[in-house]
C-alpha atoms as a PDB file:
ATOM      1  CA  TRP A   1     -14.437   8.275  -2.762  1.00  0.00           C
ATOM      2  CA  GLY A   2     -15.934   6.981   0.902  1.00  0.00           C
ATOM      3  CA  TRP A   3     -15.467   3.306  -0.491  1.00  0.00           C
ATOM      4  CA  ILE A   4     -11.787   4.340  -1.165  1.00  0.00           C
ATOM      5  CA  ILE A   5     -11.163   5.250   2.405  1.00  0.00           C
ATOM      6  CA  VAL A   6     -13.225   2.438   3.552  1.00  0.00           C
ATOM      7  CA  GLY A   7     -11.107  -0.084   1.570  1.00  0.00           C
ATOM      8  CA  THR A   8      -7.770   1.386   2.707  1.00  0.00           C
ATOM      9  CA  SER A   9      -8.569   1.724   6.359  1.00  0.00           C
ATOM     10  CA  PHE A  10      -9.916  -2.049   6.314  1.00  0.00           C
ATOM     11  CA  ALA A  11      -6.673  -2.991   4.428  1.00  0.00           C
ATOM     12  CA  GLN A  12      -4.439  -1.261   7.028  1.00  0.00           C
ATOM     13  CA  PHE A  13      -6.242  -2.794   9.775  1.00  0.00           C
ATOM     14  CA  CYS A  14      -5.737  -6.227   8.497  1.00  0.00           C
ATOM     15  CA  LEU A  15      -2.180  -5.527   8.037  1.00  0.00           C
ATOM     16  CA  SER A  16      -1.844  -4.536  11.206  1.00  0.00           C
ATOM     17  CA  ILE A  17      -3.714  -7.427  12.805  1.00  0.00           C
ATOM     18  CA  TYR A  18      -1.420  -9.701  10.350  1.00  0.00           C
ATOM     19  CA  GLU A  19       1.482  -8.007  12.070  1.00  0.00           C
ATOM     20  CA  GLN A  20       0.722  -8.226  15.474  1.00  0.00           C
ATOM     21  CA  PHE A  21      -0.471 -11.776  15.696  1.00  0.00           C
ATOM     22  CA  VAL A  22       1.291 -13.478  12.757  1.00  0.00           C
ATOM     23  CA  LEU A  23       4.660 -12.104  12.915  1.00  0.00           C
ATOM     24  CA  ALA A  24       5.372 -11.997  16.391  1.00  0.00           C
ATOM     25  CA  GLN A  25       9.316 -11.946  16.076  1.00  0.00           C
ATOM     26  CA  PRO A  26      10.867  -8.540  14.637  1.00  0.00           C
ATOM     27  CA  ASP A  27      13.397 -10.122  12.641  1.00  0.00           C
ATOM     28  CA  ASN A  28      10.420 -11.735  10.576  1.00  0.00           C
ATOM     29  CA  GLN A  29       8.977  -8.964   9.047  1.00  0.00           C
ATOM     30  CA  PRO A  30       8.879  -8.940   5.020  1.00  0.00           C
ATOM     31  CA  TRP A  31       9.663  -5.665   3.541  1.00  0.00           C
ATOM     32  CA  TRP A  32       6.196  -5.647   1.510  1.00  0.00           C
ATOM     33  CA  LEU A  33       4.242  -5.336   4.817  1.00  0.00           C
ATOM     34  CA  LEU A  34       6.332  -2.065   5.816  1.00  0.00           C
ATOM     35  CA  LEU A  35       5.966  -0.581   2.591  1.00  0.00           C
ATOM     36  CA  SER A  36       2.094  -1.268   1.794  1.00  0.00           C
ATOM     37  CA  THR A  37       1.197   0.309   5.297  1.00  0.00           C
ATOM     38  CA  MET A  38       3.442   3.240   4.776  1.00  0.00           C
ATOM     39  CA  ILE A  39       1.513   3.421   1.527  1.00  0.00           C
ATOM     40  CA  LEU A  40      -1.825   2.942   2.852  1.00  0.00           C
ATOM     41  CA  SER A  41      -1.006   5.695   5.517  1.00  0.00           C
ATOM     42  CA  ILE A  42      -0.112   8.456   2.814  1.00  0.00           C
ATOM     43  CA  VAL A  43      -3.456   7.465   0.768  1.00  0.00           C
ATOM     44  CA  LEU A  44      -5.555   8.093   3.848  1.00  0.00           C
ATOM     45  CA  ALA A  45      -3.793  11.164   4.788  1.00  0.00           C
ATOM     46  CA  ILE A  46      -4.457  12.810   1.220  1.00  0.00           C
ATOM     47  CA  TYR A  47      -8.166  11.926   1.440  1.00  0.00           C
ATOM     48  CA  GLY A  48      -8.497  13.447   4.817  1.00  0.00           C
ATOM     49  CA  VAL A  49      -7.009  16.323   3.594  1.00  0.00           C
ATOM     50  CA  ARG A  50      -9.092  16.391   0.418  1.00  0.00           C
ATOM     51  CA  MET A  51     -12.076  15.774   2.626  1.00  0.00           C
ATOM     52  CA  THR A  52     -11.262  18.540   5.230  1.00  0.00           C
ATOM     53  CA  HIS A  53     -10.688  20.783   2.315  1.00  0.00           C
ATOM     54  CA  GLY A  54     -14.428  19.793   0.891  1.00  0.00           C
ATOM     55  CA  TYR A  55     -15.804  20.934   4.253  1.00  0.00           C
ATOM     56  CA  ALA A  56     -14.098  24.365   4.134  1.00  0.00           C
ATOM     57  CA  ARG A  57     -14.819  25.223   0.566  1.00  0.00           C
ATOM     58  CA  VAL A  58     -18.770  24.313   0.702  1.00  0.00           C
ATOM     59  CA  PHE A  59     -18.848  27.015   3.679  1.00  0.00           C
ATOM     60  CA  GLY A  60     -16.916  29.287   1.463  1.00  0.00           C
ATOM     61  CA  LYS A  61     -13.692  28.972   3.529  1.00  0.00           C
ATOM     62  CA  THR A  62     -10.039  29.369   1.812  1.00  0.00           C
ATOM     63  CA  GLY A  63      -7.096  26.687   2.053  1.00  0.00           C
ATOM     64  CA  TRP A  64      -5.737  28.661   5.461  1.00  0.00           C
ATOM     65  CA  PHE A  65      -8.965  27.769   6.940  1.00  0.00           C
ATOM     66  CA  THR A  66      -8.430  24.063   6.148  1.00  0.00           C
ATOM     67  CA  VAL A  67      -4.966  24.428   7.629  1.00  0.00           C
ATOM     68  CA  GLY A  68      -6.395  25.549  10.602  1.00  0.00           C
ATOM     69  CA  LEU A  69      -9.169  22.689  10.263  1.00  0.00           C
ATOM     70  CA  ILE A  70      -6.468  20.062  10.292  1.00  0.00           C
ATOM     71  CA  PHE A  71      -3.890  21.502  12.812  1.00  0.00           C
ATOM     72  CA  ILE A  72      -6.477  23.110  15.073  1.00  0.00           C
ATOM     73  CA  PRO A  73      -9.909  21.474  14.756  1.00  0.00           C
ATOM     74  CA  TYR A  74     -11.294  22.000  18.326  1.00  0.00           C
ATOM     75  CA  VAL A  75     -11.524  25.991  17.334  1.00  0.00           C
ATOM     76  CA  PHE A  76     -12.083  25.515  13.622  1.00  0.00           C
ATOM     77  CA  TYR A  77     -14.927  23.207  13.314  1.00  0.00           C
ATOM     78  CA  PRO A  78     -16.978  25.226  16.392  1.00  0.00           C
ATOM     79  CA  ILE A  79     -16.579  28.395  13.904  1.00  0.00           C
ATOM     80  CA  LEU A  80     -18.031  26.462  10.851  1.00  0.00           C
ATOM     81  CA  ALA A  81     -20.691  24.856  13.241  1.00  0.00           C
ATOM     82  CA  PHE A  82     -21.768  28.223  14.911  1.00  0.00           C
ATOM     83  CA  GLY A  83     -20.454  30.688  12.784  1.00  0.00           C
ATOM     84  CA  ASN A  84     -22.397  32.808  10.015  1.00  0.00           C
ATOM     85  CA  ALA A  85     -20.883  31.267   7.141  1.00  0.00           C
ATOM     86  CA  PRO A  86     -23.865  29.911   4.880  1.00  0.00           C
ATOM     87  CA  TYR A  87     -23.701  26.037   3.749  1.00  0.00           C
ATOM     88  CA  GLN A  88     -23.198  26.481  -0.223  1.00  0.00           C
ATOM     89  CA  PRO A  89     -23.083  23.128  -1.882  1.00  0.00           C
ATOM     90  CA  ASP A  90     -23.806  24.459  -5.146  1.00  0.00           C
ATOM     91  CA  GLY A  91     -20.433  26.039  -4.777  1.00  0.00           C
ATOM     92  CA  MET A  92     -18.587  22.945  -4.767  1.00  0.00           C
ATOM     93  CA  VAL A  93     -16.955  22.155  -8.031  1.00  0.00           C
ATOM     94  CA  TYR A  94     -16.796  18.299  -9.027  1.00  0.00           C
ATOM     95  CA  ASN A  95     -14.527  16.833 -11.563  1.00  0.00           C
ATOM     96  CA  SER A  96     -13.762  13.365 -12.926  1.00  0.00           C
ATOM     97  CA  PHE A  97     -11.352  13.117  -9.620  1.00  0.00           C
ATOM     98  CA  GLY A  98     -14.299  14.324  -6.996  1.00  0.00           C
ATOM     99  CA  PRO A  99     -14.277  17.221  -5.386  1.00  0.00           C
ATOM    100  CA  GLY A 100     -11.604  19.866  -6.146  1.00  0.00           C
END
């Protein structure tokens, strides 16, 4: 899963460089550039949420805690770091699609 995130991040970076330096005119942008950038952004957002939910699950937290980790990370990550919730890597369920 890490390689998927690294690969999509690199592809999105390359597309943004292509857009900035090769396509300087705004009327010269092809439709596939916008579509591929949007798809890569959605993929990265989905995997980011899945990874954050995995962090919450190994500490025994619920989906609502995941929402807190996403929207208020400066409060919820210190709760994980300094709270009394034990790290339970055996509690994580793995299937063919990764943690989940």
